[in-house]
Amino acid sequence: MRENGRSMIEMLGVLAIIGVLSIGAMSGYAKAMFKYKLNRQTEQIGSILDYATIHYEALDRLNLESSNLSSLFQQLGAIPPEMIKGKYSTYLYDVFNNKVRIYHNKEDDGDQYFGLQIYIDKSTEDICLNLYQMAKLRSGFLWHTLFSKTISDNPETQFANRIYGDAYCPDNIHCLKNLTISDMQNFCSTCKDESETCSFVFLWNFKHG
């Protein structure tokens, strides 16, 4: 008389197949979600940079006494709402939960420059590449970018790559408009270790506005 049902070996085989398929599905989902977040970060950071580009004349005329512009940009409605975790806070947060701040410095001669700084906590290289691509698209507006790292056991040791926008770019230095993917990968690879604190800064001023 033939027994109905499946043997234990057959059931284990089915479970193994289901497990493999589940891992593949989860991996595909994770990659798709990360890609979505990169695109969303492009929209978030890009919207702030584009606001500064459009309203540079008004920003240049402001007599700013505080170095923190994050709260000002919030009041002006220039910040995507999901980046705000505290009303008029010093820090904003991108889709990866990286800290973001907007600031300005005024020099003795009256010139002032503005910065947008992103502190990168994870997936450093991919996020760094994304930020460089944003900067390259806006090379005609930016003063320069900085991608820097600080070694945690020696906070005074910093490494930075300074890449200039169109109006500030002599022939003998790296220019944003000429950056290749290989260049970006080379710069971004300087910050991989968890013991390092990394940040990407967009800087702009209005001398060539």
Protein backbone atom coordinates (compact mmCIF):
# COMPACT_ATOMS: atom_id res chain seq x y z
CA MET A 1 0.00 0.00 0.00
CA ARG A 2 1.53 3.39 -1.11
CA GLU A 3 1.81 6.10 1.55
CA ASN A 4 0.50 9.60 0.79
CA GLY A 5 2.36 12.83 1.59
CA ARG A 6 5.96 13.92 1.35
CA SER A 7 9.08 12.50 2.94
CA MET A 8 11.14 14.54 5.38
CA ILE A 9 13.93 14.89 2.78
CA GLU A 10 11.49 16.29 0.22
CA MET A 11 10.10 18.77 2.74
CA LEU A 12 13.59 19.93 3.69
CA GLY A 13 14.37 20.41 0.00
CA VAL A 14 11.26 22.55 -0.46
CA LEU A 15 12.14 24.64 2.58
CA ALA A 16 15.68 25.13 1.27
CA ILE A 17 14.34 26.37 -2.09
CA ILE A 18 11.94 28.75 -0.34
CA GLY A 19 14.82 30.04 1.78
CA VAL A 20 17.00 30.74 -1.24
CA LEU A 21 14.15 32.52 -3.03
CA SER A 22 13.40 34.59 0.07
CA ILE A 23 17.03 35.69 0.41
CA GLY A 24 17.07 36.72 -3.26
CA ALA A 25 13.84 38.66 -2.87
CA MET A 26 15.10 40.43 0.25
CA SER A 27 18.38 41.33 -1.47
CA GLY A 28 16.51 42.72 -4.48
CA TYR A 29 14.21 44.71 -2.21
CA ALA A 30 17.17 46.14 -0.26
CA LYS A 31 18.89 47.25 -3.47
CA ALA A 32 15.70 48.83 -4.79
CA MET A 33 15.12 50.64 -1.49
CA PHE A 34 18.68 51.95 -1.42
CA LYS A 35 18.31 53.23 -4.99
CA TYR A 36 15.06 54.93 -3.99
CA LYS A 37 16.82 56.60 -1.07
CA LEU A 38 19.63 57.85 -3.31
CA ASN A 39 17.06 59.39 -5.65
CA ARG A 40 15.22 60.92 -2.70
CA GLN A 41 18.47 62.34 -1.32
CA THR A 42 19.11 63.92 -4.72
CA GLU A 43 15.72 65.65 -4.49
CA GLN A 44 16.23 66.77 -0.88
CA ILE A 45 19.74 68.20 -1.18
CA GLY A 46 19.12 69.42 -4.72
CA SER A 47 16.08 71.42 -3.65
CA ILE A 48 18.16 73.34 -1.09
CA LEU A 49 20.97 74.02 -3.54
CA ASP A 50 18.53 75.09 -6.24
CA TYR A 51 16.75 77.43 -3.84
CA ALA A 52 20.09 79.11 -3.09
CA THR A 53 20.82 79.34 -6.82
CA ILE A 54 17.50 81.03 -7.62
CA HIS A 55 17.54 83.41 -4.64
CA TYR A 56 21.28 84.14 -4.44
CA GLU A 57 20.81 87.90 -4.82
CA ALA A 58 18.44 88.06 -1.83
CA LEU A 59 20.72 85.83 0.25
CA ASP A 60 23.74 87.94 -0.62
CA ARG A 61 21.99 91.07 0.62
CA LEU A 62 21.08 89.56 3.98
CA ASN A 63 22.94 90.91 6.98
CA LEU A 64 23.28 87.57 8.71
CA GLU A 65 24.45 87.54 12.31
CA SER A 66 24.10 83.82 12.97
CA SER A 67 26.25 81.18 11.29
CA ASN A 68 23.29 78.78 11.32
CA LEU A 69 21.14 79.10 8.21
CA SER A 70 19.20 75.85 8.64
CA SER A 71 16.51 77.61 10.67
CA LEU A 72 16.34 80.50 8.19
CA PHE A 73 15.88 78.14 5.25
CA GLN A 74 13.13 76.37 7.20
CA GLN A 75 11.32 79.66 7.73
CA LEU A 76 11.64 80.44 4.03
CA GLY A 77 10.04 77.09 3.13
CA ALA A 78 13.16 75.89 1.31
CA ILE A 79 13.49 72.61 3.24
CA PRO A 80 11.54 69.41 2.38
CA PRO A 81 9.34 68.78 5.46
CA GLU A 82 10.64 65.26 6.09
CA MET A 83 14.15 66.66 6.67
CA ILE A 84 12.97 68.65 9.71
CA LYS A 85 13.02 66.85 13.06
CA GLY A 86 12.97 69.88 15.29
CA LYS A 87 11.47 73.26 14.48
CA TYR A 88 14.24 75.68 13.51
CA SER A 89 16.88 73.16 14.58
CA THR A 90 20.57 73.54 13.74
CA TYR A 91 20.51 70.19 11.97
CA LEU A 92 18.34 68.71 9.25
CA TYR A 93 18.30 65.02 8.34
CA ASP A 94 18.36 63.46 4.89
CA VAL A 95 16.60 60.24 3.87
CA PHE A 96 19.58 58.22 5.18
CA ASN A 97 19.26 60.01 8.54
CA ASN A 98 22.57 61.79 7.94
CA LYS A 99 22.91 65.14 9.69
CA VAL A 100 22.73 68.14 7.36
CA ARG A 101 23.46 71.76 8.19
CA ILE A 102 23.42 75.02 6.25
CA TYR A 103 25.79 77.74 7.38
CA HIS A 104 27.53 80.91 6.31
CA ASN A 105 30.72 82.78 7.14
CA LYS A 106 31.35 86.46 6.65
CA GLU A 107 34.90 87.62 5.99
CA ASP A 108 36.54 90.85 7.11
CA ASP A 109 36.19 92.43 3.66
CA GLY A 110 32.43 91.86 3.72
CA ASP A 111 32.37 88.87 1.40
CA GLN A 112 30.36 85.95 2.65
CA TYR A 113 30.08 82.35 1.64
CA PHE A 114 27.52 79.69 2.31
CA GLY A 115 27.88 75.99 2.95
CA LEU A 116 25.70 72.89 2.90
CA GLN A 117 27.35 70.09 4.88
CA ILE A 118 26.26 66.43 5.02
CA TYR A 119 27.75 64.18 7.70
CA ILE A 120 27.84 60.70 6.20
CA ASP A 121 27.34 57.81 8.62
CA LYS A 122 26.92 54.78 6.36
CA SER A 123 27.15 53.54 2.76
CA THR A 124 29.73 56.28 2.42
CA GLU A 125 31.04 55.63 -1.07
CA ASP A 126 27.66 55.38 -2.83
CA ILE A 127 26.32 58.46 -1.05
CA CYS A 128 29.54 60.34 -1.77
CA LEU A 129 29.24 59.50 -5.49
CA ASN A 130 25.65 60.72 -5.46
CA LEU A 131 26.67 64.04 -3.91
CA TYR A 132 29.53 64.55 -6.38
CA GLN A 133 27.10 63.99 -9.25
CA MET A 134 24.78 66.63 -7.78
CA ALA A 135 27.71 69.02 -7.51
CA LYS A 136 28.83 68.41 -11.08
CA LEU A 137 25.36 69.31 -12.36
CA ARG A 138 25.67 72.64 -10.52
CA SER A 139 29.32 73.41 -11.31
CA GLY A 140 28.35 76.78 -12.78
CA PHE A 141 27.00 77.94 -9.44
CA LEU A 142 29.22 76.39 -6.79
CA TRP A 143 32.45 77.81 -5.42
CA HIS A 144 33.87 74.40 -4.55
CA THR A 145 33.16 71.13 -2.76
CA LEU A 146 34.99 69.38 0.07
CA PHE A 147 34.87 65.69 0.88
CA SER A 148 36.76 65.19 4.11
CA LYS A 149 37.45 62.62 6.77
CA THR A 150 38.72 62.81 10.33
CA ILE A 151 40.46 59.88 12.00
CA SER A 152 38.61 59.24 15.26
CA ASP A 153 41.69 58.53 17.38
CA ASN A 154 43.34 61.72 16.07
CA PRO A 155 40.63 64.35 15.49
CA GLU A 156 43.14 66.95 14.29
CA THR A 157 44.14 64.77 11.33
CA GLN A 158 41.92 65.61 8.37
CA PHE A 159 42.02 64.74 4.70
CA ALA A 160 40.01 66.71 2.17
CA ASN A 161 39.49 66.93 -1.57
CA ARG A 162 38.69 70.45 -2.81
CA ILE A 163 37.05 70.52 -6.27
CA TYR A 164 36.18 73.92 -7.79
CA GLY A 165 33.20 75.22 -9.72
CA ASP A 166 33.45 76.79 -13.17
CA ALA A 167 34.15 80.39 -12.16
CA TYR A 168 36.93 79.47 -9.71
CA CYS A 169 38.66 76.68 -11.59
CA PRO A 170 42.15 77.32 -13.01
CA ASP A 171 43.64 74.83 -15.42
CA ASN A 172 45.94 73.11 -12.96
CA ILE A 173 43.38 71.85 -10.42
CA HIS A 174 40.38 69.53 -10.42
CA CYS A 175 37.20 71.12 -11.73
CA LEU A 176 33.69 69.85 -11.03
CA LYS A 177 32.66 70.10 -14.67
CA ASN A 178 35.51 67.77 -15.71
CA LEU A 179 35.05 65.11 -13.04
CA THR A 180 34.76 61.55 -14.30
CA ILE A 181 33.17 58.63 -12.47
CA SER A 182 36.69 57.30 -11.93
CA ASP A 183 37.71 60.61 -10.29
CA MET A 184 34.67 60.52 -8.03
CA GLN A 185 35.33 56.93 -7.01
CA ASN A 186 38.93 57.79 -6.23
CA PHE A 187 37.92 60.70 -3.99
CA CYS A 188 35.12 58.75 -2.32
CA SER A 189 37.29 55.73 -1.58
CA THR A 190 39.29 57.79 0.93
CA CYS A 191 36.55 57.33 3.51
CA LYS A 192 35.53 53.73 4.10
CA ASP A 193 36.59 52.79 7.62
CA GLU A 194 34.07 53.00 10.47
CA SER A 195 36.69 54.77 12.59
CA GLU A 196 36.51 57.75 10.25
CA THR A 197 34.04 60.61 10.33
CA CYS A 198 33.21 61.80 6.82
CA SER A 199 31.42 64.83 5.47
CA PHE A 200 30.62 66.34 2.09
CA VAL A 201 30.34 70.12 1.78
CA PHE A 202 28.88 72.24 -1.02
CA LEU A 203 30.22 75.81 -0.81
CA TRP A 204 29.06 78.83 -2.74
CA ASN A 205 29.54 82.58 -2.67
CA PHE A 206 28.37 85.41 -4.88
CA LYS A 207 31.47 87.11 -6.24
CA HIS A 208 30.79 85.58 -9.62
CA GLY A 209 26.99 85.54 -9.30
